[in-house]
């Protein structure tokens, strides 16, 4: 059955997920704040600021009018930065009340809200009334839009407290190159997706300094360990962090130049000032804000997160990358599974 799906956010991942849903036979409307971007998508069927050498389906329509995009939608996909989610969701709630609609919600944003430290599903639950939604889900996993463009086999997870909703979105997204699994562990999937960006920053910094495979393998392995410690303390299933939205997402984000967090870390490793890194990127670097939230959570919960603490110190200009690595390597010996 054809669904009308509203996709909020027209960056690289939002526009590619919209294209997948459209290719799967659904009516999709894409919301963007940029009139120029909406015109480009509608007239040229390209999104060159985010995706090179790809032509979007002609019947995929974009608009800056949020109410137009939401009208008649049975599902809403949020792909906006974590720090922008609350503002967008608040407006969505107002419009849904006006329209009298109650769609299923799903998000693919990877980050934690600063100050509140909330996961994105928690932000959606706070801002969109239960009267205006049927369920909240999250889609996450090792996936770059650049790979999806080429129809690289891509595997992701949809997590929800509502199993029927997870299966619903599994069916909507899945095709012969985009495989979707279901998961009941929303907490684990969201923590994995958010915190892997910190590890990607660190991995890029190692590469920028010229370190090789040994260092990055160690970083990713120990990075998953500290992500798991924090997630489990909030109720996540530890097995989630060995899966697609844990180790899988860490691997793809911490090894690929398609990752803006990796590229940002690489520049930091080469000595580029943080302000210049942010200016050069031209897109949101989620790991920067997330590192602050994760650092504060680690301090308040007493969870050991030495890599996160090291990245936080670098971003706060309290340590150089070289000094942070030295401190990590000369810490007191620990048991691996401790």
C-alpha atoms as a PDB file:
ATOM      1  CA  UNK A   1       0.000   0.000   0.000  1.00  0.00           C
ATOM      2  CA  UNK A   2       1.306   3.445  -0.931  1.00  0.00           C
ATOM      3  CA  UNK A   3       1.945   5.765   2.003  1.00  0.00           C
ATOM      4  CA  UNK A   4       2.523   9.506   2.109  1.00  0.00           C
ATOM      5  CA  UNK A   5       5.718  10.118   4.020  1.00  0.00           C
ATOM      6  CA  UNK A   6       7.034  13.509   5.123  1.00  0.00           C
ATOM      7  CA  UNK A   7      10.825  13.716   5.351  1.00  0.00           C
ATOM      8  CA  UNK A   8      12.039  16.664   7.411  1.00  0.00           C
ATOM      9  CA  UNK A   9      15.596  17.598   6.542  1.00  0.00           C
ATOM     10  CA  UNK A  10      17.189  17.608   3.082  1.00  0.00           C
ATOM     11  CA  UNK A  11      20.836  16.977   3.876  1.00  0.00           C
ATOM     12  CA  UNK A  12      22.719  14.030   2.419  1.00  0.00           C
ATOM     13  CA  UNK A  13      21.059  11.355   4.555  1.00  0.00           C
ATOM     14  CA  UNK A  14      17.587  12.870   4.616  1.00  0.00           C
ATOM     15  CA  UNK A  15      17.445  13.280   0.860  1.00  0.00           C
ATOM     16  CA  UNK A  16      18.780   9.755   0.237  1.00  0.00           C
ATOM     17  CA  UNK A  17      16.267   8.160   2.605  1.00  0.00           C
ATOM     18  CA  UNK A  18      13.568  10.148   0.838  1.00  0.00           C
ATOM     19  CA  UNK A  19      14.822   8.760  -2.480  1.00  0.00           C
ATOM     20  CA  UNK A  20      14.732   5.191  -1.134  1.00  0.00           C
ATOM     21  CA  UNK A  21      11.142   5.611   0.077  1.00  0.00           C
ATOM     22  CA  UNK A  22      10.176   7.123  -3.260  1.00  0.00           C
ATOM     23  CA  UNK A  23      11.881   4.294  -5.154  1.00  0.00           C
ATOM     24  CA  UNK A  24       9.936   1.838  -2.996  1.00  0.00           C
ATOM     25  CA  UNK A  25       6.713   3.258  -4.408  1.00  0.00           C
ATOM     26  CA  UNK A  26       5.636   5.739  -1.738  1.00  0.00           C
ATOM     27  CA  UNK A  27       4.606   9.375  -2.064  1.00  0.00           C
ATOM     28  CA  UNK A  28       7.369  11.398  -0.431  1.00  0.00           C
ATOM     29  CA  UNK A  29       7.606  15.106   0.277  1.00  0.00           C
ATOM     30  CA  UNK A  30      10.849  16.607   1.535  1.00  0.00           C
ATOM     31  CA  UNK A  31      11.030  19.658   3.800  1.00  0.00           C
ATOM     32  CA  UNK A  32      13.958  22.054   3.774  1.00  0.00           C
ATOM     33  CA  UNK A  33      14.498  25.527   5.201  1.00  0.00           C
ATOM     34  CA  UNK A  34      16.302  26.575   2.011  1.00  0.00           C
ATOM     35  CA  UNK A  35      14.201  27.871  -0.889  1.00  0.00           C
ATOM     36  CA  UNK A  36      17.199  27.515  -3.205  1.00  0.00           C
ATOM     37  CA  UNK A  37      17.627  23.873  -2.224  1.00  0.00           C
ATOM     38  CA  UNK A  38      13.911  23.167  -2.713  1.00  0.00           C
ATOM     39  CA  UNK A  39      14.044  24.791  -6.169  1.00  0.00           C
ATOM     40  CA  UNK A  40      17.118  22.752  -7.123  1.00  0.00           C
ATOM     41  CA  UNK A  41      15.476  19.489  -6.048  1.00  0.00           C
ATOM     42  CA  UNK A  42      12.217  20.282  -7.825  1.00  0.00           C
ATOM     43  CA  UNK A  43      13.649  21.703 -11.039  1.00  0.00           C
ATOM     44  CA  UNK A  44      17.043  20.042 -11.535  1.00  0.00           C
ATOM     45  CA  UNK A  45      16.423  16.995  -9.306  1.00  0.00           C
ATOM     46  CA  UNK A  46      19.850  17.393  -7.721  1.00  0.00           C
ATOM     47  CA  UNK A  47      21.153  18.255  -4.255  1.00  0.00           C
ATOM     48  CA  UNK A  48      24.739  19.099  -5.119  1.00  0.00           C
ATOM     49  CA  UNK A  49      25.697  20.730  -1.836  1.00  0.00           C
ATOM     50  CA  UNK A  50      25.265  17.319  -0.201  1.00  0.00           C
ATOM     51  CA  UNK A  51      25.221  14.595  -2.891  1.00  0.00           C
ATOM     52  CA  UNK A  52      27.359  14.719  -6.028  1.00  0.00           C
ATOM     53  CA  UNK A  53      26.578  12.948  -9.302  1.00  0.00           C
ATOM     54  CA  UNK A  54      23.088  11.792  -8.384  1.00  0.00           C
ATOM     55  CA  UNK A  55      19.735  12.604  -9.971  1.00  0.00           C
ATOM     56  CA  UNK A  56      16.717  12.357  -7.690  1.00  0.00           C
ATOM     57  CA  UNK A  57      13.353  10.992  -8.909  1.00  0.00           C
ATOM     58  CA  UNK A  58      11.287  13.647 -10.674  1.00  0.00           C
ATOM     59  CA  UNK A  59       8.241  12.931  -8.512  1.00  0.00           C
ATOM     60  CA  UNK A  60      10.161  13.532  -5.267  1.00  0.00           C
ATOM     61  CA  UNK A  61       9.001  17.007  -4.287  1.00  0.00           C
ATOM     62  CA  UNK A  62      10.607  19.451  -1.863  1.00  0.00           C
ATOM     63  CA  UNK A  63       9.088  22.467  -0.098  1.00  0.00           C
ATOM     64  CA  UNK A  64       9.918  25.051   2.534  1.00  0.00           C
ATOM     65  CA  UNK A  65       6.288  24.988   3.719  1.00  0.00           C
ATOM     66  CA  UNK A  66       6.153  22.553   6.617  1.00  0.00           C
ATOM     67  CA  UNK A  67       2.360  22.365   6.690  1.00  0.00           C
ATOM     68  CA  UNK A  68       2.223  21.448   3.001  1.00  0.00           C
ATOM     69  CA  UNK A  69       4.749  18.645   3.548  1.00  0.00           C
ATOM     70  CA  UNK A  70       2.902  17.302   6.607  1.00  0.00           C
ATOM     71  CA  UNK A  71      -0.614  17.418   5.185  1.00  0.00           C
ATOM     72  CA  UNK A  72      -1.879  13.868   4.693  1.00  0.00           C
ATOM     73  CA  UNK A  73       1.339  12.234   5.900  1.00  0.00           C
ATOM     74  CA  UNK A  74       0.918   8.859   7.594  1.00  0.00           C
ATOM     75  CA  UNK A  75       4.588   8.793   8.628  1.00  0.00           C
ATOM     76  CA  UNK A  76       7.072  11.534   9.474  1.00  0.00           C
ATOM     77  CA  UNK A  77      10.828  10.997   9.211  1.00  0.00           C
ATOM     78  CA  UNK A  78      12.966  13.522  11.147  1.00  0.00           C
ATOM     79  CA  UNK A  79      16.487  13.928   9.742  1.00  0.00           C
ATOM     80  CA  UNK A  80      17.461  17.260  11.261  1.00  0.00           C
ATOM     81  CA  UNK A  81      20.453  17.863  13.562  1.00  0.00           C
ATOM     82  CA  UNK A  82      19.862  16.850  17.168  1.00  0.00           C
ATOM     83  CA  UNK A  83      20.214  20.451  18.343  1.00  0.00           C
ATOM     84  CA  UNK A  84      17.469  21.571  15.915  1.00  0.00           C
ATOM     85  CA  UNK A  85      15.038  18.739  16.647  1.00  0.00           C
ATOM     86  CA  UNK A  86      13.163  20.401  19.508  1.00  0.00           C
ATOM     87  CA  UNK A  87      12.335  23.531  17.522  1.00  0.00           C
ATOM     88  CA  UNK A  88      11.215  21.581  14.443  1.00  0.00           C
ATOM     89  CA  UNK A  89       9.207  19.067  16.499  1.00  0.00           C
ATOM     90  CA  UNK A  90       7.442  21.849  18.395  1.00  0.00           C
ATOM     91  CA  UNK A  91       6.241  23.317  15.100  1.00  0.00           C
ATOM     92  CA  UNK A  92       5.262  19.850  13.836  1.00  0.00           C
ATOM     93  CA  UNK A  93       3.127  19.313  16.954  1.00  0.00           C
ATOM     94  CA  UNK A  94       1.318  22.600  16.345  1.00  0.00           C
ATOM     95  CA  UNK A  95       0.605  21.719  12.725  1.00  0.00           C
ATOM     96  CA  UNK A  96      -0.517  18.168  13.494  1.00  0.00           C
ATOM     97  CA  UNK A  97      -2.995  19.551  16.033  1.00  0.00           C
ATOM     98  CA  UNK A  98      -4.348  21.897  13.365  1.00  0.00           C
ATOM     99  CA  UNK A  99      -4.580  19.118  10.758  1.00  0.00           C
ATOM    100  CA  UNK A 100      -6.008  16.534  13.152  1.00  0.00           C
ATOM    101  CA  UNK A 101      -3.408  13.950  12.066  1.00  0.00           C
ATOM    102  CA  UNK A 102      -1.740  11.224  14.132  1.00  0.00           C
ATOM    103  CA  UNK A 103       1.164   9.792  12.113  1.00  0.00           C
ATOM    104  CA  UNK A 104       3.909   7.345  13.081  1.00  0.00           C
ATOM    105  CA  UNK A 105       7.206   9.116  13.808  1.00  0.00           C
ATOM    106  CA  UNK A 106      10.727   7.946  13.064  1.00  0.00           C
ATOM    107  CA  UNK A 107      14.054   9.755  13.215  1.00  0.00           C
ATOM    108  CA  UNK A 108      17.523   9.161  11.835  1.00  0.00           C
ATOM    109  CA  UNK A 109      19.364  11.908  13.736  1.00  0.00           C
ATOM    110  CA  UNK A 110      22.503  10.923  15.635  1.00  0.00           C
ATOM    111  CA  UNK A 111      23.236  13.087  18.639  1.00  0.00           C
ATOM    112  CA  UNK A 112      22.279  14.145  22.156  1.00  0.00           C
ATOM    113  CA  UNK A 113      20.656  17.460  22.991  1.00  0.00           C
ATOM    114  CA  UNK A 114      23.029  19.784  24.807  1.00  0.00           C
ATOM    115  CA  UNK A 115      22.042  20.923  28.321  1.00  0.00           C
ATOM    116  CA  UNK A 116      19.296  18.269  28.639  1.00  0.00           C
ATOM    117  CA  UNK A 117      21.440  15.352  27.325  1.00  0.00           C
ATOM    118  CA  UNK A 118      18.248  13.836  25.937  1.00  0.00           C
ATOM    119  CA  UNK A 119      18.188  11.324  23.111  1.00  0.00           C
ATOM    120  CA  UNK A 120      16.227  12.387  20.023  1.00  0.00           C
ATOM    121  CA  UNK A 121      13.307  10.029  20.706  1.00  0.00           C
ATOM    122  CA  UNK A 122      12.991  11.608  24.141  1.00  0.00           C
ATOM    123  CA  UNK A 123      12.895  15.083  22.576  1.00  0.00           C
ATOM    124  CA  UNK A 124      10.135  13.942  20.211  1.00  0.00           C
ATOM    125  CA  UNK A 125       8.191  12.406  23.105  1.00  0.00           C
ATOM    126  CA  UNK A 126       8.443  15.666  25.068  1.00  0.00           C
ATOM    127  CA  UNK A 127       7.459  17.992  22.249  1.00  0.00           C
ATOM    128  CA  UNK A 128       4.886  16.042  20.202  1.00  0.00           C
ATOM    129  CA  UNK A 129       1.750  15.146  22.109  1.00  0.00           C
ATOM    130  CA  UNK A 130       0.676  11.463  22.213  1.00  0.00           C
ATOM    131  CA  UNK A 131      -2.566  12.713  20.683  1.00  0.00           C
ATOM    132  CA  UNK A 132      -0.599  13.683  17.577  1.00  0.00           C
ATOM    133  CA  UNK A 133       1.482  10.515  17.082  1.00  0.00           C
ATOM    134  CA  UNK A 134       1.001   6.752  17.143  1.00  0.00           C
ATOM    135  CA  UNK A 135       4.599   5.688  17.817  1.00  0.00           C
ATOM    136  CA  UNK A 136       8.237   6.801  17.869  1.00  0.00           C
ATOM    137  CA  UNK A 137      11.006   4.822  16.168  1.00  0.00           C
ATOM    138  CA  UNK A 138      14.659   5.339  15.215  1.00  0.00           C
ATOM    139  CA  UNK A 139      16.580   4.199  12.128  1.00  0.00           C
ATOM    140  CA  UNK A 140      20.337   3.854  12.517  1.00  0.00           C
ATOM    141  CA  UNK A 141      23.331   1.860  11.389  1.00  0.00           C
ATOM    142  CA  UNK A 142      26.500   1.907   9.258  1.00  0.00           C
ATOM    143  CA  UNK A 143      25.294   3.930   6.317  1.00  0.00           C
ATOM    144  CA  UNK A 144      26.726   6.775   4.261  1.00  0.00           C
ATOM    145  CA  UNK A 145      24.563   8.381   1.617  1.00  0.00           C
ATOM    146  CA  UNK A 146      27.498   8.145  -0.793  1.00  0.00           C
ATOM    147  CA  UNK A 147      27.305   4.354  -0.607  1.00  0.00           C
ATOM    148  CA  UNK A 148      23.533   4.238  -0.975  1.00  0.00           C
ATOM    149  CA  UNK A 149      23.830   6.324  -4.161  1.00  0.00           C
ATOM    150  CA  UNK A 150      25.862   3.456  -5.676  1.00  0.00           C
ATOM    151  CA  UNK A 151      23.453   0.847  -4.286  1.00  0.00           C
ATOM    152  CA  UNK A 152      26.146  -0.588  -2.050  1.00  0.00           C
ATOM    153  CA  UNK A 153      24.523  -3.281   0.123  1.00  0.00           C
ATOM    154  CA  UNK A 154      23.543  -1.328   3.240  1.00  0.00           C
ATOM    155  CA  UNK A 155      22.189  -2.749   6.502  1.00  0.00           C
ATOM    156  CA  UNK A 156      20.497  -0.682   9.208  1.00  0.00           C
ATOM    157  CA  UNK A 157      18.271  -1.149  12.247  1.00  0.00           C
ATOM    158  CA  UNK A 158      14.850   0.270  13.094  1.00  0.00           C
ATOM    159  CA  UNK A 159      14.262   0.332  16.843  1.00  0.00           C
ATOM    160  CA  UNK A 160      11.002   1.042  18.626  1.00  0.00           C
ATOM    161  CA  UNK A 161       9.176   0.236  21.830  1.00  0.00           C
ATOM    162  CA  UNK A 162       6.273  -0.593  19.496  1.00  0.00           C
ATOM    163  CA  UNK A 163       7.144  -3.768  17.565  1.00  0.00           C
ATOM    164  CA  UNK A 164       4.376  -3.188  15.016  1.00  0.00           C
ATOM    165  CA  UNK A 165       5.829   0.245  14.270  1.00  0.00           C
ATOM    166  CA  UNK A 166       9.323  -1.198  13.827  1.00  0.00           C
ATOM    167  CA  UNK A 167       7.963  -3.761  11.372  1.00  0.00           C
ATOM    168  CA  UNK A 168       5.984  -1.062   9.572  1.00  0.00           C
ATOM    169  CA  UNK A 169       9.109   1.004   8.917  1.00  0.00           C
ATOM    170  CA  UNK A 170      11.127  -2.107   8.095  1.00  0.00           C
ATOM    171  CA  UNK A 171       8.654  -2.786   5.295  1.00  0.00           C
ATOM    172  CA  UNK A 172       8.636   0.823   4.087  1.00  0.00           C
ATOM    173  CA  UNK A 173      12.414   1.131   3.769  1.00  0.00           C
ATOM    174  CA  UNK A 174      13.621  -2.318   2.767  1.00  0.00           C
ATOM    175  CA  UNK A 175      14.596  -3.255  -0.779  1.00  0.00           C
ATOM    176  CA  UNK A 176      17.245  -5.334  -2.556  1.00  0.00           C
ATOM    177  CA  UNK A 177      20.167  -3.054  -1.591  1.00  0.00           C
ATOM    178  CA  UNK A 178      18.860  -1.521   1.661  1.00  0.00           C
ATOM    179  CA  UNK A 179      18.205  -4.189   4.297  1.00  0.00           C
ATOM    180  CA  UNK A 180      16.475  -3.294   7.557  1.00  0.00           C
ATOM    181  CA  UNK A 181      16.454  -5.220  10.836  1.00  0.00           C
ATOM    182  CA  UNK A 182      14.185  -4.559  13.817  1.00  0.00           C
ATOM    183  CA  UNK A 183      15.291  -3.993  17.396  1.00  0.00           C
ATOM    184  CA  UNK A 184      13.449  -3.239  20.644  1.00  0.00           C
ATOM    185  CA  UNK A 185      16.424  -1.438  22.231  1.00  0.00           C
ATOM    186  CA  UNK A 186      15.789   2.231  21.440  1.00  0.00           C
ATOM    187  CA  UNK A 187      18.203   3.391  24.157  1.00  0.00           C
ATOM    188  CA  UNK A 188      21.102   1.327  22.841  1.00  0.00           C
ATOM    189  CA  UNK A 189      20.501   2.172  19.200  1.00  0.00           C
ATOM    190  CA  UNK A 190      20.354   5.913  19.944  1.00  0.00           C
ATOM    191  CA  UNK A 191      23.403   5.948  22.214  1.00  0.00           C
ATOM    192  CA  UNK A 192      25.375   3.946  19.655  1.00  0.00           C
ATOM    193  CA  UNK A 193      24.404   6.275  16.829  1.00  0.00           C
ATOM    194  CA  UNK A 194      25.185   9.415  18.819  1.00  0.00           C
ATOM    195  CA  UNK A 195      28.404   8.475  20.576  1.00  0.00           C
ATOM    196  CA  UNK A 196      30.123   6.854  17.582  1.00  0.00           C
ATOM    197  CA  UNK A 197      30.644  10.394  16.260  1.00  0.00           C
ATOM    198  CA  UNK A 198      33.031  11.042  19.160  1.00  0.00           C
ATOM    199  CA  UNK A 199      35.057   7.976  18.193  1.00  0.00           C
ATOM    200  CA  UNK A 200      35.063   9.158  14.565  1.00  0.00           C
ATOM    201  CA  UNK A 201      36.531  12.503  15.643  1.00  0.00           C
ATOM    202  CA  UNK A 202      39.245  10.675  17.553  1.00  0.00           C
ATOM    203  CA  UNK A 203      39.940   8.312  14.647  1.00  0.00           C
ATOM    204  CA  UNK A 204      40.299  11.192  12.232  1.00  0.00           C
ATOM    205  CA  UNK A 205      42.683  12.922  14.633  1.00  0.00           C
ATOM    206  CA  UNK A 206      44.857   9.788  14.764  1.00  0.00           C
ATOM    207  CA  UNK A 207      44.936   9.642  10.973  1.00  0.00           C
ATOM    208  CA  UNK A 208      45.754  13.350  10.790  1.00  0.00           C
ATOM    209  CA  UNK A 209      48.794  12.717  12.967  1.00  0.00           C
ATOM    210  CA  UNK A 210      49.881   9.828  10.745  1.00  0.00           C
ATOM    211  CA  UNK A 211      49.004   6.914  13.051  1.00  0.00           C
ATOM    212  CA  UNK A 212      48.005   3.659  11.374  1.00  0.00           C
ATOM    213  CA  UNK A 213      45.805   0.600  11.658  1.00  0.00           C
ATOM    214  CA  UNK A 214      46.944  -0.558  15.103  1.00  0.00           C
ATOM    215  CA  UNK A 215      45.998   2.734  16.707  1.00  0.00           C
ATOM    216  CA  UNK A 216      42.631   3.025  15.007  1.00  0.00           C
ATOM    217  CA  UNK A 217      41.660  -0.593  15.695  1.00  0.00           C
ATOM    218  CA  UNK A 218      42.462  -0.044  19.371  1.00  0.00           C
ATOM    219  CA  UNK A 219      40.515   3.200  19.398  1.00  0.00           C
ATOM    220  CA  UNK A 220      37.400   1.692  17.824  1.00  0.00           C
ATOM    221  CA  UNK A 221      37.423  -1.356  20.105  1.00  0.00           C
ATOM    222  CA  UNK A 222      37.875   0.624  23.284  1.00  0.00           C
ATOM    223  CA  UNK A 223      35.468   3.268  21.971  1.00  0.00           C
ATOM    224  CA  UNK A 224      32.689   0.686  21.678  1.00  0.00           C
ATOM    225  CA  UNK A 225      33.513  -0.448  25.226  1.00  0.00           C
ATOM    226  CA  UNK A 226      32.937   3.006  26.695  1.00  0.00           C
ATOM    227  CA  UNK A 227      29.839   3.661  24.579  1.00  0.00           C
ATOM    228  CA  UNK A 228      28.448   0.384  25.894  1.00  0.00           C
ATOM    229  CA  UNK A 229      29.259   1.261  29.519  1.00  0.00           C
ATOM    230  CA  UNK A 230      27.327   4.511  29.301  1.00  0.00           C
ATOM    231  CA  UNK A 231      24.420   3.036  27.347  1.00  0.00           C
ATOM    232  CA  UNK A 232      24.014   0.067  29.677  1.00  0.00           C
ATOM    233  CA  UNK A 233      23.941   2.414  32.664  1.00  0.00           C
ATOM    234  CA  UNK A 234      20.802   3.965  31.114  1.00  0.00           C
ATOM    235  CA  UNK A 235      19.161   0.600  30.447  1.00  0.00           C
ATOM    236  CA  UNK A 236      20.505  -0.402  27.023  1.00  0.00           C
ATOM    237  CA  UNK A 237      21.067  -4.025  26.039  1.00  0.00           C
ATOM    238  CA  UNK A 238      24.868  -4.586  25.861  1.00  0.00           C
ATOM    239  CA  UNK A 239      24.433  -6.802  22.792  1.00  0.00           C
ATOM    240  CA  UNK A 240      23.175  -3.817  20.816  1.00  0.00           C
ATOM    241  CA  UNK A 241      26.676  -2.333  20.828  1.00  0.00           C
ATOM    242  CA  UNK A 242      28.066  -5.385  19.051  1.00  0.00           C
ATOM    243  CA  UNK A 243      25.527  -4.870  16.252  1.00  0.00           C
ATOM    244  CA  UNK A 244      24.822  -2.542  13.363  1.00  0.00           C
ATOM    245  CA  UNK A 245      24.124   0.572  15.429  1.00  0.00           C
ATOM    246  CA  UNK A 246      27.126  -0.098  17.672  1.00  0.00           C
ATOM    247  CA  UNK A 247      30.311  -1.577  16.254  1.00  0.00           C
ATOM    248  CA  UNK A 248      28.965  -1.398  12.701  1.00  0.00           C
ATOM    249  CA  UNK A 249      28.340   2.340  12.866  1.00  0.00           C
ATOM    250  CA  UNK A 250      31.664   2.955  14.633  1.00  0.00           C
ATOM    251  CA  UNK A 251      33.563   1.138  11.875  1.00  0.00           C
ATOM    252  CA  UNK A 252      31.988   3.005   8.972  1.00  0.00           C
ATOM    253  CA  UNK A 253      32.160   6.413  10.642  1.00  0.00           C
ATOM    254  CA  UNK A 254      35.665   6.071  12.055  1.00  0.00           C
ATOM    255  CA  UNK A 255      37.294   4.812   8.852  1.00  0.00           C
ATOM    256  CA  UNK A 256      35.646   6.702   5.999  1.00  0.00           C
ATOM    257  CA  UNK A 257      36.349  10.088   4.474  1.00  0.00           C
ATOM    258  CA  UNK A 258      32.613  10.248   3.779  1.00  0.00           C
ATOM    259  CA  UNK A 259      32.210  10.900   7.521  1.00  0.00           C
ATOM    260  CA  UNK A 260      32.256  14.606   8.336  1.00  0.00           C
ATOM    261  CA  UNK A 261      33.232  13.740  11.936  1.00  0.00           C
ATOM    262  CA  UNK A 262      36.232  11.758  10.685  1.00  0.00           C
ATOM    263  CA  UNK A 263      37.208  14.599   8.343  1.00  0.00           C
ATOM    264  CA  UNK A 264      36.854  17.113  11.183  1.00  0.00           C
ATOM    265  CA  UNK A 265      39.057  14.989  13.435  1.00  0.00           C
ATOM    266  CA  UNK A 266      41.630  14.662  10.653  1.00  0.00           C
ATOM    267  CA  UNK A 267      41.922  18.439  10.437  1.00  0.00           C
ATOM    268  CA  UNK A 268      42.256  18.697  14.220  1.00  0.00           C
ATOM    269  CA  UNK A 269      45.062  16.122  14.079  1.00  0.00           C
ATOM    270  CA  UNK A 270      46.836  18.265  11.514  1.00  0.00           C
ATOM    271  CA  UNK A 271      46.653  21.264  13.826  1.00  0.00           C
ATOM    272  CA  UNK A 272      43.769  23.187  12.220  1.00  0.00           C
ATOM    273  CA  UNK A 273      41.968  25.324  14.835  1.00  0.00           C
ATOM    274  CA  UNK A 274      38.473  24.107  15.754  1.00  0.00           C
ATOM    275  CA  UNK A 275      36.784  27.289  14.503  1.00  0.00           C
ATOM    276  CA  UNK A 276      38.381  26.812  11.092  1.00  0.00           C
ATOM    277  CA  UNK A 277      37.403  23.109  11.047  1.00  0.00           C
ATOM    278  CA  UNK A 278      33.761  24.038  11.638  1.00  0.00           C
ATOM    279  CA  UNK A 279      33.879  26.769   8.989  1.00  0.00           C
ATOM    280  CA  UNK A 280      35.561  24.459   6.456  1.00  0.00           C
ATOM    281  CA  UNK A 281      33.004  21.679   6.904  1.00  0.00           C
ATOM    282  CA  UNK A 282      29.934  23.699   5.960  1.00  0.00           C
ATOM    283  CA  UNK A 283      27.712  21.063   7.614  1.00  0.00           C
ATOM    284  CA  UNK A 284      26.857  20.173  11.212  1.00  0.00           C
ATOM    285  CA  UNK A 285      29.562  18.135  12.963  1.00  0.00           C
ATOM    286  CA  UNK A 286      27.373  16.259  15.449  1.00  0.00           C
ATOM    287  CA  UNK A 287      30.317  14.815  17.382  1.00  0.00           C
ATOM    288  CA  UNK A 288      31.325  18.224  18.728  1.00  0.00           C
ATOM    289  CA  UNK A 289      28.091  18.897  20.613  1.00  0.00           C
ATOM    290  CA  UNK A 290      27.673  15.216  21.494  1.00  0.00           C
ATOM    291  CA  UNK A 291      31.120  15.073  23.078  1.00  0.00           C
ATOM    292  CA  UNK A 292      30.084  17.798  25.518  1.00  0.00           C
ATOM    293  CA  UNK A 293      26.868  15.976  26.448  1.00  0.00           C
ATOM    294  CA  UNK A 294      28.621  12.607  26.780  1.00  0.00           C
ATOM    295  CA  UNK A 295      31.392  14.148  28.884  1.00  0.00           C
ATOM    296  CA  UNK A 296      28.849  15.689  31.249  1.00  0.00           C
ATOM    297  CA  UNK A 297      26.902  12.420  31.464  1.00  0.00           C
ATOM    298  CA  UNK A 298      30.111  10.556  32.291  1.00  0.00           C
ATOM    299  CA  UNK A 299      30.907  13.049  35.051  1.00  0.00           C
ATOM    300  CA  UNK A 300      27.443  12.842  36.617  1.00  0.00           C
ATOM    301  CA  UNK A 301      27.112   9.055  36.362  1.00  0.00           C
ATOM    302  CA  UNK A 302      30.691   8.157  37.248  1.00  0.00           C
ATOM    303  CA  UNK A 303      31.045   6.065  34.070  1.00  0.00           C
ATOM    304  CA  UNK A 304      34.623   5.758  32.812  1.00  0.00           C
ATOM    305  CA  UNK A 305      34.876   7.288  29.316  1.00  0.00           C
ATOM    306  CA  UNK A 306      38.561   8.158  28.788  1.00  0.00           C
ATOM    307  CA  UNK A 307      38.338   8.623  24.997  1.00  0.00           C
ATOM    308  CA  UNK A 308      35.376  10.968  25.357  1.00  0.00           C
ATOM    309  CA  UNK A 309      37.233  12.875  28.062  1.00  0.00           C
ATOM    310  CA  UNK A 310      40.282  13.173  25.804  1.00  0.00           C
ATOM    311  CA  UNK A 311      38.253  14.503  22.859  1.00  0.00           C
ATOM    312  CA  UNK A 312      36.459  16.921  25.175  1.00  0.00           C
ATOM    313  CA  UNK A 313      39.809  18.237  26.418  1.00  0.00           C
ATOM    314  CA  UNK A 314      41.020  18.735  22.831  1.00  0.00           C
ATOM    315  CA  UNK A 315      37.831  20.531  21.773  1.00  0.00           C
ATOM    316  CA  UNK A 316      38.005  22.744  24.858  1.00  0.00           C
ATOM    317  CA  UNK A 317      41.652  23.498  23.978  1.00  0.00           C
ATOM    318  CA  UNK A 318      42.774  22.142  27.332  1.00  0.00           C
ATOM    319  CA  UNK A 319      45.095  19.644  25.619  1.00  0.00           C
ATOM    320  CA  UNK A 320      46.660  19.126  22.232  1.00  0.00           C
ATOM    321  CA  UNK A 321      45.819  15.932  20.351  1.00  0.00           C
ATOM    322  CA  UNK A 322      49.340  14.658  21.006  1.00  0.00           C
ATOM    323  CA  UNK A 323      49.053  15.300  24.747  1.00  0.00           C
ATOM    324  CA  UNK A 324      45.633  13.660  24.914  1.00  0.00           C
ATOM    325  CA  UNK A 325      46.994  10.526  23.226  1.00  0.00           C
ATOM    326  CA  UNK A 326      49.941  10.433  25.629  1.00  0.00           C
ATOM    327  CA  UNK A 327      47.607  10.653  28.627  1.00  0.00           C
ATOM    328  CA  UNK A 328      45.419   7.849  27.247  1.00  0.00           C
ATOM    329  CA  UNK A 329      48.394   5.583  26.659  1.00  0.00           C
ATOM    330  CA  UNK A 330      50.012   6.194  30.059  1.00  0.00           C
ATOM    331  CA  UNK A 331      46.941   5.727  32.236  1.00  0.00           C
ATOM    332  CA  UNK A 332      47.127   3.159  34.995  1.00  0.00           C
ATOM    333  CA  UNK A 333      46.704  -0.401  33.725  1.00  0.00           C
ATOM    334  CA  UNK A 334      43.150  -1.769  33.635  1.00  0.00           C
ATOM    335  CA  UNK A 335      41.435  -5.137  33.148  1.00  0.00           C
ATOM    336  CA  UNK A 336      39.987  -5.280  29.615  1.00  0.00           C
ATOM    337  CA  UNK A 337      36.555  -6.403  30.776  1.00  0.00           C
ATOM    338  CA  UNK A 338      36.523  -4.325  33.931  1.00  0.00           C
END
